[in-house]
Amino acid sequence: MQQKLSLYNTLTRKKEVFEPLHAPFVGMYVCGPTVYGEPHLGHARSAVTFDTLYRYLRQLHYKVRYVRNITDVGHLVNDADEGEDKIQKKAKLEHLEPMEVVQHYTNIYHQDMDRLNVLSPDIEPRASGHIIEQIEMIQEILDNGLAYVVNGSVYFDVPAYHKEHNYGKLSGRVIEDLLSNSRTLDGQDEKRSPLDFALWKKAAPSHIMRWPSPWSDGFPGWHLECSAMSRKYLGTTFDIHGGGLDLMFPHHECEIAQSQASHNHSDAARYWVHNNMITVNGQKMGKSLGNFINLRELFEGNHELLTDKYSPMTIRFFILQAHYRSTLDFSNEALQAARKGYMKLMNGLRVLDKLPYPDEAVTPDEKLNDELLKLAQDCYRGLNDDLNTARTIAALFNLLKKINSLYLGQLAIGSLTRGTYDTVWNTYRELVQEVLGLQEEPTADLENMLDLVLSFYKEAKETKAYDKVDAIRAELKKQGIVIKDLKTGIDWAYEE
């Protein structure tokens, strides 16, 4: 039923049929968070996008090794080569050890990803745990004459690299334009060219996070970390490298340069895949604009831009209803629409479970069977066309219309073959739950529901309807709950 999966490759600027290097094995590396603050909607979009790709690759029976890193050192303020480490800055403000900050925000990130039903990667390396690998890669680049040491810091020589390679091949940037638009900044006089970037930085006396190296006590450059960790776990060339569009330049461009300049001599990944950005009411999301929304604020509804709280599955559906390469605009109206769409798919799962199995003795309706099989196949077309979840969701809604018609008796369930029934049932359930990762969320409040049941119990006692009293007691007991008739009133407790 499934056609070949195609993905848009940023490196070639076209959609390409996905052909793994060593099928059925697939290696996928995705840039994870720098853990110095709460996860936000941008983190969620990248995580949900590549979680869905991971899920679909597994659905296609590939054996995927999914690596998503944690950046816990070397990511400096303003993504530059000068200034303070983002994590160290947070640690100083809160009077904590840097690794306390890392652990705290890593825990929150994991909790929020669990709530969004984002599967854990197979490997989640930390930059600080791979200093040896990074030093080795720097030495390779130095040995190949494409880096230089100044005052204990090591810089990548972009102009020297560009003589034989194409710095800008991923982002489409032209090096001459980059040079003409660059200016020498204070503190960057160590660099031979303003385009050069740090592979290793000598730590200032006040810098807490430091490690010994052949060049100085210091710390690795932000770009280098991903190159070293992806190579360690996926090899010198692997299948897919993912991340947000904001990382394409300079981060991913520099990753390719480092990989080519080291002993890898490769572009690292064969398919570079980027998800687009989040906007808020048409504006780019950012702390400086005051429209920055953390996931917890969305879940709890405690942000000035929110009129309600939104469940994790509503957020996941909101992200999936747009193609990952399109801009996703946040608004209350969009989230309310997403909540309705999510609930519609969940109701479909409930209806699906209530459909009776067809009787083989009944003559099938060939036209209806063909129509249903085509609708089921359409659900996969979007996913195979560059992971177009928006198109797949639209196709699932079309399939759901027929499922509802079968449930309501407007179409005869007996007109289906068992093969068609199984295809419809499996397609809908597997795509909604296993690939899109949408799961039912409990909407009822246990305390309120039990208060309501106890009010019925009290009424039954007062009217001496003892059969209802016994029935309520028995049903609650099945759920591990016992009713207590007290002098002060009626209460419940968990059965011990």
Protein backbone atom coordinates (compact mmCIF):
# COMPACT_ATOMS: atom_id res chain seq x y z
CA MET A 1 0.00 0.00 0.00
CA GLN A 2 2.77 2.45 0.91
CA GLN A 3 4.59 4.26 -1.85
CA LYS A 4 8.24 5.28 -1.54
CA LEU A 5 9.00 7.96 1.05
CA SER A 6 10.37 11.22 -0.36
CA LEU A 7 12.03 13.94 1.73
CA TYR A 8 12.99 17.50 0.87
CA ASN A 9 16.78 17.65 1.09
CA THR A 10 17.98 21.15 1.99
CA LEU A 11 21.40 20.23 0.62
CA THR A 12 20.10 19.63 -2.93
CA ARG A 13 17.01 21.89 -2.65
CA LYS A 14 14.68 19.22 -3.98
CA LYS A 15 12.55 16.32 -2.88
CA GLU A 16 14.35 13.01 -3.16
CA VAL A 17 13.25 9.41 -2.73
CA PHE A 18 14.65 8.25 0.60
CA GLU A 19 17.20 5.49 0.05
CA PRO A 20 19.15 4.57 3.22
CA LEU A 21 22.87 3.88 2.98
CA HIS A 22 22.56 0.46 4.58
CA ALA A 23 18.89 -0.56 4.43
CA PRO A 24 17.08 -1.60 6.54
CA PHE A 25 19.24 0.40 8.94
CA VAL A 26 18.73 4.18 9.19
CA GLY A 27 20.88 6.66 11.11
CA MET A 28 19.21 9.94 12.10
CA TYR A 29 20.73 12.81 14.08
CA VAL A 30 18.66 15.76 15.31
CA CYS A 31 19.92 18.84 17.13
CA GLY A 32 18.37 18.87 20.60
CA PRO A 33 17.99 21.73 23.08
CA THR A 34 20.55 23.90 24.83
CA VAL A 35 19.28 23.36 28.36
CA TYR A 36 19.34 26.74 30.09
CA GLY A 37 15.60 27.52 30.09
CA GLU A 38 12.12 26.07 29.83
CA PRO A 39 11.16 24.28 26.59
CA HIS A 40 9.00 26.38 24.29
CA LEU A 41 6.80 25.94 21.24
CA GLY A 42 9.84 26.04 18.93
CA HIS A 43 11.41 23.10 20.77
CA ALA A 44 8.11 21.25 20.52
CA ARG A 45 7.83 21.75 16.76
CA SER A 46 11.24 20.27 16.05
CA ALA A 47 10.75 17.41 18.52
CA VAL A 48 7.27 16.49 17.20
CA THR A 49 8.39 16.76 13.55
CA PHE A 50 11.32 14.38 13.91
CA ASP A 51 9.45 12.13 16.33
CA THR A 52 6.85 11.68 13.57
CA LEU A 53 9.57 10.95 11.00
CA TYR A 54 11.14 8.46 13.44
CA ARG A 55 7.78 6.77 13.99
CA TYR A 56 7.03 6.59 10.27
CA LEU A 57 10.42 5.16 9.39
CA ARG A 58 9.82 2.42 11.94
CA GLN A 59 6.33 1.90 10.49
CA LEU A 60 8.06 1.32 7.15
CA HIS A 61 10.09 -1.42 8.90
CA TYR A 62 13.40 0.43 8.99
CA LYS A 63 15.67 -0.20 11.98
CA VAL A 64 16.35 3.36 13.08
CA ARG A 65 19.10 4.61 15.36
CA TYR A 66 17.84 8.03 16.42
CA VAL A 67 20.39 10.31 18.10
CA ARG A 68 19.28 13.63 19.61
CA ASN A 69 21.85 15.57 21.61
CA ILE A 70 21.73 17.74 24.70
CA THR A 71 23.92 20.86 24.43
CA ASP A 72 25.26 21.53 27.91
CA VAL A 73 28.39 23.55 27.17
CA GLY A 74 29.91 25.81 24.51
CA HIS A 75 26.74 27.54 23.28
CA LEU A 76 27.59 31.18 23.88
CA VAL A 77 25.21 34.11 24.20
CA ASN A 78 24.00 35.37 20.78
CA ASP A 79 25.30 32.11 19.21
CA ALA A 80 28.67 33.85 18.85
CA ASP A 81 32.31 32.91 19.52
CA GLU A 82 32.70 35.59 22.18
CA GLY A 83 30.81 36.22 25.36
CA GLU A 84 29.43 34.04 28.11
CA ASP A 85 28.24 30.45 27.95
CA LYS A 86 24.42 30.45 28.12
CA ILE A 87 24.38 27.78 30.82
CA GLN A 88 27.16 29.35 32.87
CA LYS A 89 25.37 32.71 32.74
CA LYS A 90 22.18 31.08 34.07
CA ALA A 91 24.17 29.28 36.78
CA LYS A 92 25.71 32.54 38.01
CA LEU A 93 22.33 34.28 38.10
CA GLU A 94 20.80 31.47 40.16
CA HIS A 95 23.92 30.70 42.27
CA LEU A 96 24.06 27.12 41.03
CA GLU A 97 26.61 24.78 39.55
CA PRO A 98 26.27 24.76 35.73
CA MET A 99 25.43 21.05 35.79
CA GLU A 100 22.60 21.76 38.25
CA VAL A 101 21.11 24.08 35.63
CA VAL A 102 21.66 21.43 32.94
CA GLN A 103 20.00 18.68 34.97
CA HIS A 104 17.06 20.85 36.03
CA TYR A 105 16.14 21.96 32.51
CA THR A 106 16.93 18.57 30.97
CA ASN A 107 14.43 17.01 33.39
CA ILE A 108 11.78 19.57 32.45
CA TYR A 109 12.47 19.03 28.74
CA HIS A 110 12.02 15.27 29.15
CA GLN A 111 8.81 15.73 31.16
CA ASP A 112 7.31 18.03 28.53
CA MET A 113 8.35 15.72 25.68
CA ASP A 114 6.72 12.79 27.50
CA ARG A 115 3.50 14.81 27.81
CA LEU A 116 3.63 15.49 24.06
CA ASN A 117 4.10 11.73 23.51
CA VAL A 118 7.48 12.31 21.88
CA LEU A 119 9.42 9.05 21.94
CA SER A 120 12.84 9.10 23.57
CA PRO A 121 15.75 8.92 21.12
CA ASP A 122 17.82 5.77 21.05
CA ILE A 123 20.89 7.73 22.16
CA GLU A 124 20.90 11.16 23.85
CA PRO A 125 24.54 12.26 24.14
CA ARG A 126 25.67 15.34 26.04
CA ALA A 127 28.35 17.61 24.66
CA SER A 128 30.25 17.64 27.97
CA GLY A 129 30.50 13.84 27.86
CA HIS A 130 32.29 13.84 24.51
CA ILE A 131 35.23 16.21 24.99
CA ILE A 132 37.78 13.56 23.93
CA GLU A 133 35.98 12.97 20.62
CA GLN A 134 35.83 16.69 19.98
CA ILE A 135 39.55 17.18 20.68
CA GLU A 136 40.33 14.34 18.26
CA MET A 137 38.25 15.96 15.52
CA ILE A 138 39.90 19.35 16.05
CA GLN A 139 43.31 17.73 15.72
CA GLU A 140 42.26 16.12 12.42
CA ILE A 141 41.16 19.51 11.04
CA LEU A 142 44.47 21.07 12.19
CA ASP A 143 46.43 18.22 10.57
CA ASN A 144 44.55 18.87 7.31
CA GLY A 145 45.62 22.53 7.39
CA LEU A 146 42.12 23.95 7.76
CA ALA A 147 42.35 25.35 11.30
CA TYR A 148 44.86 27.41 13.27
CA VAL A 149 45.78 28.05 16.93
CA VAL A 150 45.87 31.54 18.44
CA ASN A 151 46.57 32.13 22.14
CA GLY A 152 45.25 28.70 23.12
CA SER A 153 42.08 28.92 21.01
CA VAL A 154 41.54 26.99 17.78
CA TYR A 155 39.64 28.53 14.83
CA PHE A 156 38.32 26.96 11.63
CA ASP A 157 39.84 28.66 8.56
CA VAL A 158 36.80 29.30 6.36
CA PRO A 159 38.58 31.00 3.39
CA ALA A 160 41.21 28.21 3.23
CA TYR A 161 38.43 25.59 3.36
CA HIS A 162 36.41 27.40 0.68
CA LYS A 163 39.29 27.19 -1.83
CA GLU A 164 38.60 23.49 -2.33
CA HIS A 165 35.08 23.18 -0.90
CA ASN A 166 31.89 25.19 -0.95
CA TYR A 167 31.22 27.00 2.32
CA GLY A 168 27.57 27.92 1.86
CA LYS A 169 26.47 24.79 -0.02
CA LEU A 170 23.72 24.05 2.52
CA SER A 171 22.38 27.54 3.19
CA GLY A 172 22.95 29.02 -0.26
CA ARG A 173 25.07 31.82 1.24
CA VAL A 174 27.76 33.29 -0.99
CA ILE A 175 31.09 33.69 0.80
CA GLU A 176 31.93 36.97 -0.96
CA ASP A 177 28.61 38.45 0.22
CA LEU A 178 29.21 37.16 3.73
CA LEU A 179 32.64 38.77 3.79
CA SER A 180 31.39 42.10 2.46
CA ASN A 181 28.63 42.17 5.07
CA SER A 182 30.91 41.20 7.95
CA ARG A 183 32.66 43.63 10.22
CA THR A 184 35.45 43.01 12.70
CA LEU A 185 34.00 43.03 16.19
CA ASP A 186 35.82 43.88 19.39
CA GLY A 187 37.37 40.78 20.89
CA GLN A 188 37.48 38.92 17.58
CA ASP A 189 40.93 40.11 16.48
CA GLU A 190 42.29 36.57 17.02
CA LYS A 191 40.50 35.43 13.88
CA ARG A 192 42.15 35.69 10.48
CA SER A 193 38.74 36.16 8.86
CA PRO A 194 35.43 37.32 10.37
CA LEU A 195 33.85 34.15 8.92
CA ASP A 196 36.15 31.85 10.90
CA PHE A 197 34.54 30.11 13.85
CA ALA A 198 35.80 28.60 17.08
CA LEU A 199 36.56 24.91 17.38
CA TRP A 200 38.09 25.35 20.84
CA LYS A 201 38.08 28.39 23.10
CA LYS A 202 40.64 29.09 25.79
CA ALA A 203 38.73 29.67 29.02
CA ALA A 204 39.03 33.00 30.76
CA PRO A 205 39.94 32.77 34.47
CA SER A 206 36.27 33.35 35.40
CA HIS A 207 34.99 30.59 33.10
CA ILE A 208 33.75 27.67 35.21
CA MET A 209 33.21 25.05 32.49
CA ARG A 210 36.67 24.02 31.25
CA TRP A 211 38.62 20.94 30.22
CA PRO A 212 42.33 20.31 29.47
CA SER A 213 43.35 20.08 25.80
CA PRO A 214 46.61 20.19 23.82
CA TRP A 215 46.01 23.92 23.27
CA SER A 216 44.67 25.24 26.58
CA ASP A 217 42.26 24.65 29.40
CA GLY A 218 39.03 25.57 27.65
CA PHE A 219 35.82 24.35 26.08
CA PRO A 220 34.62 23.21 22.64
CA GLY A 221 32.85 25.31 20.03
CA TRP A 222 29.10 24.88 19.71
CA HIS A 223 29.20 23.68 16.09
CA LEU A 224 31.87 21.07 16.74
CA GLU A 225 29.86 19.18 19.34
CA CYS A 226 27.24 17.87 16.93
CA SER A 227 29.87 16.87 14.35
CA ALA A 228 31.79 14.80 16.88
CA MET A 229 28.74 13.16 18.48
CA SER A 230 26.99 12.30 15.21
CA ARG A 231 30.20 10.72 13.91
CA LYS A 232 30.69 8.67 17.09
CA TYR A 233 27.23 7.13 17.01
CA LEU A 234 26.31 7.15 13.31
CA GLY A 235 29.61 7.10 11.42
CA THR A 236 31.33 9.48 9.03
CA THR A 237 28.32 9.44 6.68
CA PHE A 238 24.77 8.77 7.84
CA ASP A 239 21.26 9.12 6.47
CA ILE A 240 19.36 12.06 8.00
CA HIS A 241 20.35 15.20 9.90
CA GLY A 242 17.42 17.20 11.24
CA GLY A 243 16.81 20.44 13.06
CA GLY A 244 15.10 23.80 12.96
CA LEU A 245 15.52 26.15 10.01
CA ASP A 246 17.20 28.67 12.34
CA LEU A 247 20.10 26.20 12.72
CA MET A 248 20.79 25.88 8.99
CA PHE A 249 23.22 28.81 9.12
CA PRO A 250 25.69 28.95 10.64
CA HIS A 251 25.34 25.82 12.79
CA HIS A 252 24.62 23.16 10.18
CA GLU A 253 26.75 24.87 7.54
CA CYS A 254 29.66 24.70 9.97
CA GLU A 255 28.91 21.05 10.75
CA ILE A 256 29.30 20.17 7.07
CA ALA A 257 32.53 22.18 6.86
CA GLN A 258 33.95 20.41 9.93
CA SER A 259 32.98 17.01 8.58
CA GLN A 260 34.60 17.72 5.19
CA ALA A 261 37.72 19.23 6.79
CA SER A 262 38.24 16.33 9.22
CA HIS A 263 39.15 12.79 8.24
CA ASN A 264 35.44 12.19 7.42
CA HIS A 265 35.68 14.09 4.09
CA SER A 266 31.88 13.94 3.85
CA ASP A 267 28.79 16.13 4.21
CA ALA A 268 28.00 14.11 7.35
CA ALA A 269 24.39 13.40 6.37
CA ARG A 270 22.97 12.56 2.96
CA TYR A 271 19.57 14.17 3.68
CA TRP A 272 19.47 17.47 5.59
CA VAL A 273 15.92 18.09 6.79
CA HIS A 274 14.72 21.34 8.40
CA ASN A 275 11.45 22.28 10.04
CA ASN A 276 10.23 25.86 9.69
CA MET A 277 9.65 28.42 12.43
CA ILE A 278 6.80 29.35 14.76
CA THR A 279 5.17 32.77 14.48
CA VAL A 280 2.76 34.30 16.99
CA ASN A 281 -0.15 36.19 15.43
CA GLY A 282 2.01 36.70 12.35
CA GLN A 283 5.13 37.85 14.24
CA LYS A 284 8.32 35.86 14.78
CA MET A 285 8.32 34.33 18.26
CA GLY A 286 10.99 35.83 20.50
CA LYS A 287 11.67 36.87 24.08
CA SER A 288 12.44 40.45 23.01
CA LEU A 289 8.98 40.79 21.41
CA GLY A 290 7.19 39.62 24.55
CA ASN A 291 5.39 36.84 22.65
CA PHE A 292 7.55 33.97 23.86
CA ILE A 293 5.45 31.06 25.16
CA ASN A 294 6.79 28.13 27.18
CA LEU A 295 5.12 24.76 26.92
CA ARG A 296 4.11 24.84 30.58
CA GLU A 297 2.37 28.16 30.03
CA LEU A 298 0.42 26.57 27.18
CA PHE A 299 -0.50 23.53 29.28
CA GLU A 300 -1.57 25.69 32.23
CA GLY A 301 -3.00 28.65 30.30
CA ASN A 302 -1.09 31.21 32.35
CA HIS A 303 0.23 33.54 29.64
CA GLU A 304 -1.25 36.91 28.68
CA LEU A 305 -1.66 35.78 25.06
CA LEU A 306 -3.76 32.78 26.12
CA THR A 307 -7.48 32.69 26.86
CA ASP A 308 -7.46 29.03 27.86
CA LYS A 309 -5.13 26.16 28.71
CA TYR A 310 -4.36 23.64 25.99
CA SER A 311 -3.60 19.96 26.49
CA PRO A 312 -0.37 18.38 25.21
CA MET A 313 -2.25 16.43 22.53
CA THR A 314 -3.93 19.63 21.31
CA ILE A 315 -0.45 21.15 20.94
CA ARG A 316 0.80 18.06 19.12
CA PHE A 317 -2.17 18.13 16.73
CA PHE A 318 -1.65 21.88 16.21
CA ILE A 319 1.95 21.21 15.12
CA LEU A 320 1.02 18.27 12.87
CA GLN A 321 -1.84 20.06 11.09
CA ALA A 322 0.73 22.13 9.16
CA HIS A 323 3.44 20.77 6.87
CA TYR A 324 6.75 20.86 8.75
CA ARG A 325 8.40 23.08 6.12
CA SER A 326 5.70 25.76 6.33
CA THR A 327 5.55 28.53 8.92
CA LEU A 328 3.25 27.64 11.80
CA ASP A 329 1.32 30.61 13.17
CA PHE A 330 0.21 30.42 16.78
CA SER A 331 -3.05 32.01 17.93
CA ASN A 332 -5.84 31.17 20.36
CA GLU A 333 -8.17 30.60 17.43
CA ALA A 334 -5.75 28.16 15.82
CA LEU A 335 -5.38 26.20 19.06
CA GLN A 336 -9.14 26.04 19.59
CA ALA A 337 -9.54 24.68 16.06
CA ALA A 338 -6.74 22.19 16.76
CA ARG A 339 -8.54 21.01 19.91
CA LYS A 340 -11.68 20.29 17.87
CA GLY A 341 -9.69 18.44 15.22
CA TYR A 342 -7.88 16.34 17.82
CA MET A 343 -11.16 15.44 19.56
CA LYS A 344 -12.65 14.47 16.20
CA LEU A 345 -9.84 11.97 15.59
CA MET A 346 -10.19 10.57 19.13
CA ASN A 347 -13.95 10.09 18.65
CA GLY A 348 -13.07 8.20 15.47
CA LEU A 349 -11.02 5.71 17.51
CA ARG A 350 -13.99 5.11 19.81
CA VAL A 351 -16.37 4.61 16.88
CA LEU A 352 -13.91 2.28 15.18
CA ASP A 353 -13.91 -0.04 18.20
CA LYS A 354 -17.71 -0.25 18.09
CA LEU A 355 -17.97 -1.36 14.45
CA PRO A 356 -19.04 -5.03 14.17
CA TYR A 357 -16.94 -7.38 12.09
CA PRO A 358 -18.49 -8.06 8.64
CA ASP A 359 -20.30 -11.33 7.97
CA GLU A 360 -18.50 -13.20 5.17
CA ALA A 361 -21.82 -14.63 3.96
CA VAL A 362 -23.03 -11.21 2.75
CA THR A 363 -22.23 -10.20 -0.85
CA PRO A 364 -19.78 -7.28 -0.72
CA ASP A 365 -20.37 -3.92 -2.41
CA GLU A 366 -17.38 -3.66 -4.76
CA LYS A 367 -17.76 0.08 -5.31
CA LEU A 368 -17.85 0.82 -1.56
CA ASN A 369 -14.89 -1.47 -0.90
CA ASP A 370 -12.83 0.17 -3.66
CA GLU A 371 -13.71 3.63 -2.33
CA LEU A 372 -12.68 2.76 1.21
CA LEU A 373 -9.41 1.16 0.09
CA LYS A 374 -8.58 4.27 -1.96
CA LEU A 375 -9.31 6.53 1.03
CA ALA A 376 -7.06 4.37 3.20
CA GLN A 377 -4.28 4.56 0.63
CA ASP A 378 -4.66 8.36 0.42
CA CYS A 379 -3.78 8.57 4.11
CA TYR A 380 -0.26 7.40 3.28
CA ARG A 381 0.26 9.66 0.26
CA GLY A 382 0.82 12.74 2.40
CA LEU A 383 3.38 11.05 4.64
CA ASN A 384 5.27 9.69 1.65
CA ASP A 385 5.26 13.14 0.04
CA ASP A 386 7.84 14.78 2.30
CA LEU A 387 6.10 13.88 5.58
CA ASN A 388 3.08 16.04 4.78
CA THR A 389 1.12 15.41 7.98
CA ALA A 390 -1.40 18.12 7.05
CA ARG A 391 -2.40 16.16 3.96
CA THR A 392 -2.51 12.91 5.93
CA ILE A 393 -4.79 14.43 8.58
CA ALA A 394 -7.14 15.71 5.85
CA ALA A 395 -7.21 12.19 4.35
CA LEU A 396 -7.92 10.68 7.78
CA PHE A 397 -10.90 13.01 8.17
CA ASN A 398 -12.20 11.83 4.77
CA LEU A 399 -11.83 8.23 5.89
CA LEU A 400 -13.52 9.09 9.19
CA LYS A 401 -16.63 10.33 7.35
CA LYS A 402 -17.09 6.83 5.95
CA ILE A 403 -16.35 5.22 9.33
CA ASN A 404 -19.05 7.39 10.92
CA SER A 405 -21.49 6.49 8.12
CA LEU A 406 -20.85 2.79 8.77
CA TYR A 407 -21.38 3.34 12.50
CA LEU A 408 -24.65 5.23 11.97
CA GLY A 409 -25.96 2.60 9.55
CA GLN A 410 -25.95 4.99 6.57
CA LEU A 411 -23.59 2.51 4.89
CA ALA A 412 -23.96 -1.22 5.42
CA ILE A 413 -21.08 -2.74 7.38
CA GLY A 414 -22.05 -6.08 5.85
CA SER A 415 -21.13 -4.69 2.41
CA LEU A 416 -17.44 -4.74 3.36
CA THR A 417 -15.05 -7.60 2.90
CA ARG A 418 -13.04 -8.50 5.97
CA GLY A 419 -9.92 -7.43 4.10
CA THR A 420 -11.33 -3.94 3.55
CA TYR A 421 -12.52 -3.72 7.16
CA ASP A 422 -9.06 -4.72 8.43
CA THR A 423 -7.34 -2.21 6.12
CA VAL A 424 -9.58 0.66 7.24
CA TRP A 425 -9.31 -0.30 10.92
CA ASN A 426 -5.51 -0.70 10.83
CA THR A 427 -4.85 2.39 8.69
CA TYR A 428 -6.86 4.73 10.89
CA ARG A 429 -5.66 3.42 14.23
CA GLU A 430 -2.00 2.95 13.27
CA LEU A 431 -1.65 6.36 11.61
CA VAL A 432 -3.44 8.28 14.36
CA GLN A 433 -1.78 6.56 17.29
CA GLU A 434 1.48 5.01 16.10
CA VAL A 435 2.66 7.48 13.45
CA LEU A 436 1.05 10.82 14.35
CA GLY A 437 1.49 9.90 18.01
CA LEU A 438 -1.93 11.18 19.10
CA GLN A 439 -3.35 9.47 22.14
CA GLU A 440 -6.51 9.84 24.17
CA GLU A 441 -6.23 12.18 27.14
CA PRO A 442 -8.45 11.69 30.18
CA THR A 443 -10.89 14.59 30.29
CA ALA A 444 -12.88 13.64 33.39
CA ASP A 445 -11.91 14.83 36.85
CA LEU A 446 -12.00 11.79 39.17
CA GLU A 447 -13.08 13.74 42.23
CA ASN A 448 -15.96 15.46 40.42
CA MET A 449 -17.12 12.21 38.82
CA LEU A 450 -17.10 10.42 42.17
CA ASP A 451 -18.97 13.29 43.82
CA LEU A 452 -21.67 12.86 41.17
CA VAL A 453 -21.82 9.06 41.68
CA LEU A 454 -22.02 9.52 45.46
CA SER A 455 -24.94 11.92 45.03
CA PHE A 456 -26.77 9.18 43.10
CA TYR A 457 -25.82 6.70 45.83
CA LYS A 458 -27.16 9.01 48.55
CA GLU A 459 -30.42 9.49 46.63
CA ALA A 460 -30.80 5.71 46.16
CA LYS A 461 -30.31 5.14 49.91
CA GLU A 462 -32.81 7.80 50.86
CA THR A 463 -35.45 6.33 48.52
CA LYS A 464 -34.62 2.80 49.72
CA ALA A 465 -33.65 1.73 46.19
CA TYR A 466 -31.28 -0.88 47.58
CA ASP A 467 -30.73 -2.61 44.23
CA LYS A 468 -29.21 0.67 42.93
CA VAL A 469 -27.20 1.05 46.16
CA ASP A 470 -25.73 -2.44 45.71
CA ALA A 471 -25.10 -1.88 41.98
CA ILE A 472 -23.20 1.39 42.59
CA ARG A 473 -21.14 -0.22 45.37
CA ALA A 474 -20.31 -3.22 43.16
CA GLU A 475 -19.28 -1.14 40.14
CA LEU A 476 -17.03 1.13 42.19
CA LYS A 477 -15.47 -1.88 43.90
CA LYS A 478 -14.44 -3.17 40.45
CA GLN A 479 -12.52 0.08 40.06
CA GLY A 480 -10.78 -0.38 43.42
CA ILE A 481 -12.97 2.19 45.22
CA VAL A 482 -15.09 1.58 48.32
CA ILE A 483 -17.97 3.73 49.61
CA LYS A 484 -17.93 4.67 53.29
CA ASP A 485 -21.20 5.43 55.08
CA LEU A 486 -20.14 7.74 57.90
CA LYS A 487 -22.15 9.52 60.62
CA THR A 488 -20.98 12.78 59.06
CA GLY A 489 -21.99 11.76 55.53
CA ILE A 490 -20.88 9.61 52.61
CA ASP A 491 -17.27 9.38 51.46
CA TRP A 492 -15.07 7.11 49.32
CA ALA A 493 -11.61 5.59 49.67
CA TYR A 494 -9.25 3.44 47.64
CA GLU A 495 -9.72 -0.22 48.51
CA GLU A 496 -6.83 -1.41 50.68
